[in-house]
Amino acid sequence: MQKKITAKSRAILLALTGITGILAAPSFFPATARGVNTTPIILGQSCALSGPAKNLGLEMRAGLLAAFSKINDEGGVNGRDIVLVSRDDGYEPDMAVKNTLDFINTENVFMLIGEVGTPTSEAVIPLVEQHKIPFFAPFTGAEFLRIPFRKYVINVRASYFQEMEKLASYLIEVRKIREIACFYQDDSYGLAGLEGIERALKKRGLDLVSRGSYERNTVAVLRGLTDVMKAEPEAVVLVGTYSACAEFIKLGKARTAKDLLYCNISFVGTKNLQATLGRYASNVIVSQVVPCPQDTTIPLIREYTAAMRKYQHDAPVSFTSLEGYIAGKLFFQISSAVPGELQRESFISTMEQIGVFDLGGIVLQYGPGDHLGMEDTYLTEINPTVDKVPE
């Protein structure tokens, strides 16, 4: 007897890399049923599933899968399952381009979702605009995805400039710190963060006292550490991934007796940074763009944690997977509201016309010329736990 394949199992199986060609074949799913379109909605995700940044991609994917599995079990988008096809780009731009071309030319995906990283996003934006395919909820706060306005880019999170403004305000106005340095990844991600903190400091009449950098997908931080520490800063703002930032913090604490404050932006991956730091997890601040995933006073977070337990119990409940879940539920709300046949242009126009989407205590806003989504930022401190910073 042939085993029945459920909506949940389809979503999980199709998210595994390397097997999508067979499972996504048109013969596997009926194109129509009594005149109703039951063809699955296929979404493509290029993200790091290997390498030093892999946990960011794995957690973003887990949040998306939890959302889509729940939606599919409850009937999908007007009877259509959502299928996530994830491909590994190792956080490298050339692989992200290759994956995106496969999504567009071979997989025929409806849209791109949950891209992880600034350099990979920057590499594929020309393809997005050439093929007029929505680029939905990228896991990056890079400014080029916001200014100038790009019709096919739909953001969920606040920008890195907004995160840096939050950190600068806290350091200078609350902690009374003025000697601030920056350690950054030497690519478009790191440079976006560097520009953000420089702008925020300039607004307050200050400049960085020093800066240092490292190469993407490495933990070769020693030269950057030396460049930063020579100015004896009171605080260091870090713009990197969890592995490199953890290495910098560990070495920094070993090299100086000075009680420095280390500040990271959300892309670092809070849970992974905390785990990698181990006993060095103190005096570390991380800015966030989604609420604390343990804040069960928010209805959406109660829904998210239940869905993670049911569909993605091996993945962590984290800021990153919560962001993925928010993206997945938002996609469902928009696509379900599209009148008539679901098309890329009608998806975007429907989102702009509805404007406000309340996912359950977490609200996103859009409109013509406004694809920003959420603009809230929060500060948390890493100790044995992750606690919200008093403001």
Protein backbone atom coordinates (compact mmCIF):
# COMPACT_ATOMS: atom_id res chain seq x y z
CA MET A 1 0.00 0.00 0.00
CA GLN A 2 1.36 3.42 -0.93
CA LYS A 3 1.95 5.64 2.07
CA LYS A 4 -0.05 8.86 2.03
CA ILE A 5 2.11 11.97 1.73
CA THR A 6 0.78 14.78 3.92
CA ALA A 7 1.14 18.50 3.48
CA LYS A 8 3.59 18.53 6.36
CA SER A 9 5.82 15.85 4.85
CA ARG A 10 5.80 17.59 1.45
CA ALA A 11 6.98 20.84 3.00
CA ILE A 12 9.76 19.10 4.92
CA LEU A 13 10.93 16.89 2.08
CA LEU A 14 10.95 19.65 -0.49
CA ALA A 15 13.06 21.87 1.75
CA LEU A 16 15.91 19.36 1.67
CA THR A 17 18.60 20.38 -0.79
CA GLY A 18 19.49 18.12 -3.68
CA ILE A 19 16.16 16.28 -3.99
CA THR A 20 13.86 18.98 -5.24
CA GLY A 21 14.04 18.05 -8.90
CA ILE A 22 11.99 14.88 -8.48
CA LEU A 23 9.61 16.00 -5.80
CA ALA A 24 8.73 19.29 -7.48
CA ALA A 25 7.93 17.63 -10.81
CA PRO A 26 4.50 18.61 -12.13
CA SER A 27 3.41 14.96 -12.31
CA PHE A 28 3.70 14.67 -8.53
CA PHE A 29 0.96 17.23 -7.89
CA PRO A 30 -2.35 17.48 -9.77
CA ALA A 31 -2.63 20.76 -11.64
CA THR A 32 -6.37 21.07 -11.03
CA ALA A 33 -9.06 19.49 -8.95
CA ARG A 34 -12.66 20.16 -10.01
CA GLY A 35 -11.53 23.40 -11.61
CA VAL A 36 -9.68 24.63 -8.52
CA ASN A 37 -5.95 25.34 -8.77
CA THR A 38 -4.16 22.96 -6.38
CA THR A 39 -0.68 23.36 -7.84
CA PRO A 40 1.79 24.06 -5.00
CA ILE A 41 3.25 27.53 -4.58
CA ILE A 42 7.00 27.03 -4.83
CA LEU A 43 9.30 29.48 -3.06
CA GLY A 44 13.08 29.54 -3.44
CA GLN A 45 15.54 30.20 -0.64
CA SER A 46 19.28 30.60 -1.17
CA CYS A 47 21.07 30.69 2.18
CA ALA A 48 24.08 29.40 4.08
CA LEU A 49 23.51 25.77 5.03
CA SER A 50 27.24 25.08 5.36
CA GLY A 51 30.28 27.05 6.49
CA PRO A 52 30.85 29.42 9.43
CA ALA A 53 27.45 31.15 8.98
CA LYS A 54 25.40 28.00 8.43
CA ASN A 55 23.32 28.24 11.62
CA LEU A 56 21.83 31.52 10.41
CA GLY A 57 20.53 29.82 7.27
CA LEU A 58 19.40 26.70 9.10
CA GLU A 59 17.43 28.72 11.65
CA MET A 60 15.87 31.03 9.08
CA ARG A 61 14.79 27.98 7.08
CA ALA A 62 13.43 26.26 10.21
CA GLY A 63 11.20 29.24 11.00
CA LEU A 64 9.87 29.34 7.44
CA LEU A 65 9.24 25.59 7.46
CA ALA A 66 7.40 25.72 10.77
CA ALA A 67 5.10 28.42 9.38
CA PHE A 68 4.50 26.66 6.06
CA SER A 69 3.90 23.25 7.65
CA LYS A 70 1.25 24.75 9.94
CA ILE A 71 -0.36 26.63 7.04
CA ASN A 72 -0.39 23.55 4.81
CA ASP A 73 -1.92 21.39 7.53
CA GLU A 74 -4.67 23.99 7.88
CA GLY A 75 -5.51 24.05 4.16
CA GLY A 76 -2.72 26.07 2.58
CA VAL A 77 -3.28 29.22 0.52
CA ASN A 78 -6.82 28.75 -0.76
CA GLY A 79 -6.19 25.02 -1.02
CA ARG A 80 -2.63 25.28 -2.38
CA ASP A 81 0.37 24.00 -0.42
CA ILE A 82 3.40 26.20 0.06
CA VAL A 83 6.64 24.41 -0.85
CA LEU A 84 10.01 25.79 0.24
CA VAL A 85 13.02 24.84 -1.88
CA SER A 86 16.24 25.71 -0.01
CA ARG A 87 19.68 25.64 -1.61
CA ASP A 88 23.05 26.11 0.06
CA ASP A 89 25.14 29.10 -1.04
CA GLY A 90 27.68 28.90 1.80
CA TYR A 91 27.26 32.68 2.29
CA GLU A 92 29.10 33.24 -1.00
CA PRO A 93 27.72 35.61 -3.68
CA ASP A 94 28.64 33.49 -6.71
CA MET A 95 26.76 30.48 -5.34
CA ALA A 96 23.77 32.68 -4.50
CA VAL A 97 23.66 33.82 -8.13
CA LYS A 98 23.83 30.22 -9.36
CA ASN A 99 21.05 29.16 -7.01
CA THR A 100 18.90 32.11 -8.05
CA LEU A 101 19.30 31.32 -11.74
CA ASP A 102 18.27 27.72 -11.02
CA PHE A 103 15.23 28.93 -9.10
CA ILE A 104 14.14 31.20 -11.95
CA ASN A 105 15.02 29.06 -14.96
CA THR A 106 14.55 25.49 -13.66
CA GLU A 107 12.40 25.52 -10.52
CA ASN A 108 10.08 28.28 -11.79
CA VAL A 109 9.60 29.57 -8.25
CA PHE A 110 6.89 32.10 -7.47
CA MET A 111 9.31 34.25 -5.48
CA LEU A 112 12.60 34.30 -3.59
CA ILE A 113 12.33 34.28 0.20
CA GLY A 114 14.61 34.36 3.23
CA GLU A 115 17.93 35.13 1.51
CA VAL A 116 20.57 35.23 4.26
CA GLY A 117 23.19 37.94 4.04
CA THR A 118 24.10 41.29 2.49
CA PRO A 119 26.77 40.17 -0.02
CA THR A 120 24.56 37.37 -1.36
CA SER A 121 21.54 39.67 -1.58
CA GLU A 122 23.56 42.34 -3.36
CA ALA A 123 24.73 39.79 -5.93
CA VAL A 124 21.24 38.63 -6.89
CA ILE A 125 19.38 41.96 -6.93
CA PRO A 126 20.14 42.53 -10.65
CA LEU A 127 18.46 39.16 -11.40
CA VAL A 128 15.51 40.06 -9.19
CA GLU A 129 14.93 43.29 -11.09
CA GLN A 130 15.61 41.78 -14.51
CA HIS A 131 13.08 38.97 -14.01
CA LYS A 132 10.66 41.05 -11.88
CA ILE A 133 10.50 38.40 -9.19
CA PRO A 134 9.68 39.35 -5.57
CA PHE A 135 12.62 39.23 -3.16
CA PHE A 136 10.79 38.63 0.09
CA ALA A 137 12.05 39.01 3.68
CA PRO A 138 15.83 38.92 3.16
CA PHE A 139 17.75 38.35 6.40
CA THR A 140 19.77 41.55 6.12
CA GLY A 141 19.30 45.20 7.07
CA ALA A 142 21.39 46.59 4.21
CA GLU A 143 20.41 50.07 3.08
CA PHE A 144 20.56 49.30 -0.66
CA LEU A 145 17.47 47.10 -0.20
CA ARG A 146 15.61 50.16 1.13
CA ILE A 147 17.03 53.23 -0.60
CA PRO A 148 16.38 53.74 -3.45
CA PHE A 149 12.95 52.10 -3.34
CA ARG A 150 12.91 48.77 -5.18
CA LYS A 151 9.48 47.50 -6.19
CA TYR A 152 10.39 43.82 -6.01
CA VAL A 153 12.18 43.95 -2.64
CA ILE A 154 9.89 43.38 0.36
CA ASN A 155 11.61 43.84 3.71
CA VAL A 156 10.44 42.56 7.07
CA ARG A 157 13.16 43.79 9.45
CA ALA A 158 14.55 47.18 10.45
CA SER A 159 17.71 48.41 8.74
CA TYR A 160 21.29 48.23 10.00
CA PHE A 161 21.30 52.05 10.15
CA GLN A 162 18.35 51.87 12.56
CA GLU A 163 20.11 49.23 14.66
CA MET A 164 23.27 51.34 14.80
CA GLU A 165 21.24 54.38 15.82
CA LYS A 166 19.82 52.35 18.70
CA LEU A 167 23.27 51.15 19.79
CA ALA A 168 24.83 54.62 19.53
CA SER A 169 22.01 56.14 21.58
CA TYR A 170 22.46 53.51 24.29
CA LEU A 171 26.26 53.73 24.43
CA ILE A 172 26.49 57.52 24.46
CA GLU A 173 23.34 58.66 26.20
CA VAL A 174 22.76 55.81 28.68
CA ARG A 175 26.22 54.37 29.32
CA LYS A 176 28.06 57.71 28.79
CA ILE A 177 30.65 55.99 26.57
CA ARG A 178 32.43 58.12 23.96
CA GLU A 179 35.49 56.08 22.93
CA ILE A 180 33.90 53.68 20.43
CA ALA A 181 35.61 51.43 17.86
CA CYS A 182 34.26 49.17 15.09
CA PHE A 183 35.26 45.68 13.99
CA TYR A 184 33.62 44.65 10.72
CA GLN A 185 33.47 42.02 7.99
CA ASP A 186 35.32 43.33 4.94
CA ASP A 187 32.46 43.20 2.43
CA SER A 188 29.15 44.92 1.72
CA TYR A 189 27.65 43.68 5.01
CA GLY A 190 30.47 44.96 7.16
CA LEU A 191 30.73 48.23 5.27
CA ALA A 192 26.97 48.81 5.67
CA GLY A 193 27.33 48.40 9.43
CA LEU A 194 30.45 50.55 9.51
CA GLU A 195 28.66 53.35 7.67
CA GLY A 196 25.71 53.00 10.02
CA ILE A 197 27.71 53.46 13.21
CA GLU A 198 29.77 56.29 11.68
CA ARG A 199 26.57 58.15 10.74
CA ALA A 200 25.07 57.61 14.20
CA LEU A 201 28.23 58.88 15.91
CA LYS A 202 28.58 61.86 13.59
CA LYS A 203 25.04 62.87 14.50
CA ARG A 204 26.33 63.13 18.08
CA GLY A 205 29.55 64.94 17.20
CA LEU A 206 31.80 61.87 17.53
CA ASP A 207 34.04 59.71 15.34
CA LEU A 208 35.24 56.14 15.74
CA VAL A 209 38.50 55.98 17.66
CA SER A 210 39.67 52.95 15.63
CA ARG A 211 38.50 50.24 13.26
CA GLY A 212 39.58 46.78 12.13
CA SER A 213 38.27 44.16 9.74
CA TYR A 214 38.38 40.48 8.79
CA GLU A 215 37.60 38.42 5.69
CA ARG A 216 34.17 36.85 5.21
CA ASN A 217 33.82 33.12 6.03
CA THR A 218 36.95 33.14 8.21
CA VAL A 219 37.78 33.67 11.87
CA ALA A 220 41.07 35.40 11.07
CA VAL A 221 40.45 38.30 13.43
CA LEU A 222 43.86 38.92 15.00
CA ARG A 223 44.97 41.77 12.74
CA GLY A 224 41.60 43.48 13.08
CA LEU A 225 41.73 43.03 16.84
CA THR A 226 45.15 44.67 16.98
CA ASP A 227 43.95 47.61 14.87
CA VAL A 228 40.92 48.12 17.09
CA MET A 229 42.63 47.79 20.47
CA LYS A 230 45.49 50.18 19.78
CA ALA A 231 43.14 53.11 20.52
CA GLU A 232 42.02 51.59 23.85
CA PRO A 233 38.28 51.98 23.20
CA GLU A 234 35.60 51.74 25.87
CA ALA A 235 33.23 49.85 23.55
CA VAL A 236 33.54 47.95 20.28
CA VAL A 237 30.70 47.66 17.77
CA LEU A 238 31.02 44.39 15.83
CA VAL A 239 29.57 43.77 12.37
CA GLY A 240 30.16 40.12 11.58
CA THR A 241 28.92 36.57 11.93
CA TYR A 242 28.78 34.70 15.24
CA SER A 243 31.96 32.65 14.71
CA ALA A 244 34.22 35.63 13.92
CA CYS A 245 32.64 37.92 16.50
CA ALA A 246 32.95 35.29 19.22
CA GLU A 247 36.62 34.80 18.35
CA PHE A 248 37.20 38.56 18.50
CA ILE A 249 35.49 38.87 21.89
CA LYS A 250 37.36 35.90 23.38
CA LEU A 251 40.73 37.21 22.21
CA GLY A 252 39.85 40.74 23.26
CA LYS A 253 39.01 39.67 26.79
CA ALA A 254 42.20 37.62 26.98
CA ARG A 255 44.40 40.49 25.76
CA THR A 256 43.14 43.34 27.91
CA ALA A 257 42.12 43.71 31.52
CA LYS A 258 39.93 46.67 30.54
CA ASP A 259 36.22 45.98 31.01
CA LEU A 260 35.09 46.64 27.44
CA LEU A 261 31.52 46.52 26.19
CA TYR A 262 31.05 44.50 22.99
CA CYS A 263 28.04 45.40 20.83
CA ASN A 264 26.71 43.35 17.92
CA ILE A 265 23.87 43.84 15.44
CA SER A 266 21.12 41.28 14.87
CA PHE A 267 22.66 39.43 11.92
CA VAL A 268 25.28 37.98 14.28
CA GLY A 269 22.76 35.38 15.47
CA THR A 270 22.29 35.85 19.22
CA LYS A 271 21.81 32.24 20.27
CA ASN A 272 24.81 31.06 18.26
CA LEU A 273 26.99 33.89 19.55
CA GLN A 274 26.01 33.05 23.13
CA ALA A 275 26.77 29.34 22.63
CA THR A 276 30.11 30.02 20.92
CA LEU A 277 31.21 32.48 23.60
CA GLY A 278 30.54 30.09 26.47
CA ARG A 279 32.09 31.48 29.66
CA TYR A 280 33.06 34.67 27.82
CA ALA A 281 29.39 35.64 27.42
CA SER A 282 29.35 38.80 29.51
CA ASN A 283 29.36 42.51 28.69
CA VAL A 284 27.94 41.63 25.26
CA ILE A 285 25.03 43.61 23.79
CA VAL A 286 23.06 42.58 20.69
CA SER A 287 20.52 44.76 18.90
CA GLN A 288 17.41 42.93 17.67
CA VAL A 289 14.75 43.55 15.02
CA VAL A 290 12.11 41.13 16.35
CA PRO A 291 10.80 40.72 19.92
CA CYS A 292 12.30 38.19 22.30
CA PRO A 293 11.22 34.68 21.20
CA GLN A 294 10.51 33.80 24.84
CA ASP A 295 8.01 36.66 25.25
CA THR A 296 4.85 34.57 25.28
CA THR A 297 2.70 37.57 26.16
CA ILE A 298 2.66 38.14 22.37
CA PRO A 299 0.10 35.86 20.65
CA LEU A 300 2.27 35.31 17.57
CA ILE A 301 5.16 34.08 19.72
CA ARG A 302 2.90 31.56 21.45
CA GLU A 303 1.85 30.35 18.00
CA TYR A 304 5.46 30.28 16.78
CA THR A 305 6.79 28.28 19.75
CA ALA A 306 3.97 25.73 19.38
CA ALA A 307 4.67 25.38 15.65
CA MET A 308 8.41 24.97 16.28
CA ARG A 309 7.73 22.21 18.83
CA LYS A 310 5.42 20.41 16.42
CA TYR A 311 7.20 20.80 13.09
CA GLN A 312 10.82 21.83 13.81
CA HIS A 313 11.52 20.45 17.28
CA ASP A 314 15.21 19.88 16.52
CA ALA A 315 15.75 23.55 15.61
CA PRO A 316 16.26 26.25 18.26
CA VAL A 317 13.68 28.79 19.32
CA SER A 318 15.67 31.91 18.49
CA PHE A 319 15.48 35.45 17.15
CA THR A 320 16.48 34.11 13.72
CA SER A 321 13.91 31.33 13.45
CA LEU A 322 11.26 33.74 14.77
CA GLU A 323 12.11 36.11 11.93
CA GLY A 324 11.67 33.21 9.51
CA TYR A 325 8.29 32.37 11.02
CA ILE A 326 7.16 36.00 10.74
CA ALA A 327 8.16 35.99 7.07
CA GLY A 328 6.27 32.75 6.44
CA LYS A 329 3.07 33.93 8.10
CA LEU A 330 3.23 37.30 6.38
CA PHE A 331 3.55 35.58 3.00
CA PHE A 332 0.45 33.56 3.80
CA GLN A 333 -1.60 36.59 4.82
CA ILE A 334 -0.73 38.50 1.67
CA SER A 335 -1.12 35.63 -0.79
CA SER A 336 -4.44 34.55 0.74
CA ALA A 337 -5.81 38.05 0.21
CA VAL A 338 -4.92 38.27 -3.50
CA PRO A 339 -8.13 38.40 -5.56
CA GLY A 340 -8.32 35.92 -8.43
CA GLU A 341 -5.22 34.10 -9.64
CA LEU A 342 -2.07 34.52 -7.55
CA GLN A 343 0.47 36.43 -9.64
CA ARG A 344 3.65 38.24 -8.67
CA GLU A 345 2.32 41.68 -9.59
CA SER A 346 -1.02 41.11 -7.86
CA PHE A 347 0.82 39.88 -4.75
CA ILE A 348 2.74 43.15 -4.52
CA SER A 349 -0.26 45.37 -5.31
CA THR A 350 -2.42 43.54 -2.75
CA MET A 351 0.26 43.99 -0.08
CA GLU A 352 0.48 47.70 -0.83
CA GLN A 353 -3.31 48.17 -0.84
CA ILE A 354 -3.97 46.33 2.43
CA GLY A 355 -1.05 48.10 4.05
CA VAL A 356 -1.21 46.89 7.66
CA PHE A 357 -0.72 43.24 8.63
CA ASP A 358 -1.24 42.21 12.26
CA LEU A 359 0.26 38.75 12.69
CA GLY A 360 -0.83 38.52 16.31
CA GLY A 361 0.73 41.33 18.29
CA ILE A 362 3.46 41.94 15.69
CA VAL A 363 2.44 44.49 13.06
CA LEU A 364 4.03 45.17 9.67
CA GLN A 365 3.15 48.11 7.42
CA TYR A 366 3.49 48.57 3.67
CA GLY A 367 2.23 50.88 0.97
CA PRO A 368 3.04 52.24 -2.49
CA GLY A 369 6.70 53.23 -2.33
CA ASP A 370 7.05 51.69 1.16
CA HIS A 371 8.26 48.08 1.47
CA LEU A 372 9.94 48.41 4.88
CA GLY A 373 7.69 46.24 7.08
CA MET A 374 8.87 46.60 10.70
CA GLU A 375 11.16 49.36 11.93
CA ASP A 376 11.35 48.53 15.64
CA THR A 377 14.69 47.75 17.28
CA TYR A 378 15.47 46.28 20.70
CA LEU A 379 18.60 45.78 22.76
CA THR A 380 19.46 42.56 24.58
CA GLU A 381 22.39 41.56 26.78
CA ILE A 382 24.06 38.16 26.67
CA ASN A 383 24.89 36.60 30.04
CA PRO A 384 23.95 33.02 30.94
CA THR A 385 20.61 34.09 29.42
CA VAL A 386 19.57 36.76 26.91
CA ASP A 387 17.92 39.65 28.72
CA LYS A 388 16.35 42.84 27.43
CA VAL A 389 18.46 45.92 28.15
CA PRO A 390 16.69 48.59 30.24
CA GLU A 391 16.32 51.79 28.23
